[in-house]
């Protein structure tokens, strides 16, 4: 793909989300998913439950305040 080619991400991805909405979304994400601090423990639980591991690596805090 040429460097100057642009892909339209669609209306859902091209909108700017206000900081207050990002805070609400990150709080919901942080409180509704089970979080593991240990990858091996997460892998073991996922294997038992027949699920995948969602690995999120951040620089800073998930609440947006770094």
Protein backbone atom coordinates (compact mmCIF):
# COMPACT_ATOMS: atom_id res chain seq x y z
CA UNK A 1 0.00 0.00 0.00
CA UNK A 2 1.32 3.43 -0.88
CA UNK A 3 2.31 5.69 1.99
CA UNK A 4 -0.16 8.37 0.91
CA UNK A 5 -3.10 5.91 0.63
CA UNK A 6 -5.65 6.46 3.36
CA UNK A 7 -8.10 3.91 4.68
CA UNK A 8 -11.41 5.22 5.98
CA UNK A 9 -11.85 3.62 9.41
CA UNK A 10 -15.58 4.27 9.38
CA UNK A 11 -17.62 6.54 11.65
CA UNK A 12 -17.16 4.39 14.77
CA UNK A 13 -13.36 4.58 14.68
CA UNK A 14 -12.88 8.07 13.30
CA UNK A 15 -14.75 9.93 16.03
CA UNK A 16 -12.93 11.59 18.89
CA UNK A 17 -14.03 10.26 22.25
CA UNK A 18 -14.07 12.81 25.10
CA UNK A 19 -11.82 12.18 28.08
CA UNK A 20 -14.77 11.69 30.43
CA UNK A 21 -16.09 8.88 28.20
CA UNK A 22 -12.65 7.29 28.04
CA UNK A 23 -12.51 7.37 31.83
CA UNK A 24 -15.92 5.68 32.06
CA UNK A 25 -14.91 3.04 29.54
CA UNK A 26 -11.59 2.30 31.23
CA UNK A 27 -13.28 2.02 34.63
CA UNK A 28 -15.81 -0.42 33.18
CA UNK A 29 -13.02 -2.45 31.59
CA UNK A 30 -10.98 -2.49 34.78
CA UNK A 31 -13.89 -3.64 36.95
CA UNK A 32 -15.80 -6.10 34.76
CA UNK A 33 -12.98 -8.35 33.53
CA UNK A 34 -11.08 -10.69 35.84
CA UNK A 35 -7.49 -9.43 36.01
CA UNK A 36 -4.42 -11.48 36.84
CA UNK A 37 -1.05 -10.02 37.79
CA UNK A 38 0.61 -13.34 36.96
CA UNK A 39 0.56 -14.58 33.34
CA UNK A 40 0.99 -18.22 34.37
CA UNK A 41 -2.03 -18.01 36.69
CA UNK A 42 -4.06 -16.41 33.89
CA UNK A 43 -3.03 -19.14 31.44
CA UNK A 44 -3.96 -21.84 33.94
CA UNK A 45 -7.39 -20.30 34.59
CA UNK A 46 -7.98 -19.86 30.86
CA UNK A 47 -7.11 -23.49 30.21
CA UNK A 48 -9.49 -24.66 32.92
CA UNK A 49 -12.30 -22.50 31.52
CA UNK A 50 -11.57 -23.19 27.84
CA UNK A 51 -10.92 -19.51 27.18
CA UNK A 52 -8.15 -17.38 25.73
CA UNK A 53 -5.85 -15.02 27.61
CA UNK A 54 -6.23 -11.32 26.80
CA UNK A 55 -2.80 -9.82 27.46
CA UNK A 56 -2.70 -6.07 27.90
CA UNK A 57 0.64 -4.36 28.33
CA UNK A 58 0.48 -0.66 29.23
CA UNK A 59 2.93 2.10 29.84
CA UNK A 60 1.17 4.03 32.58
CA UNK A 61 -2.14 3.41 34.30
CA UNK A 62 -5.28 2.02 32.66
CA UNK A 63 -7.34 4.94 34.01
CA UNK A 64 -5.52 7.30 31.66
CA UNK A 65 -3.50 9.15 34.28
CA UNK A 66 0.16 8.33 33.69
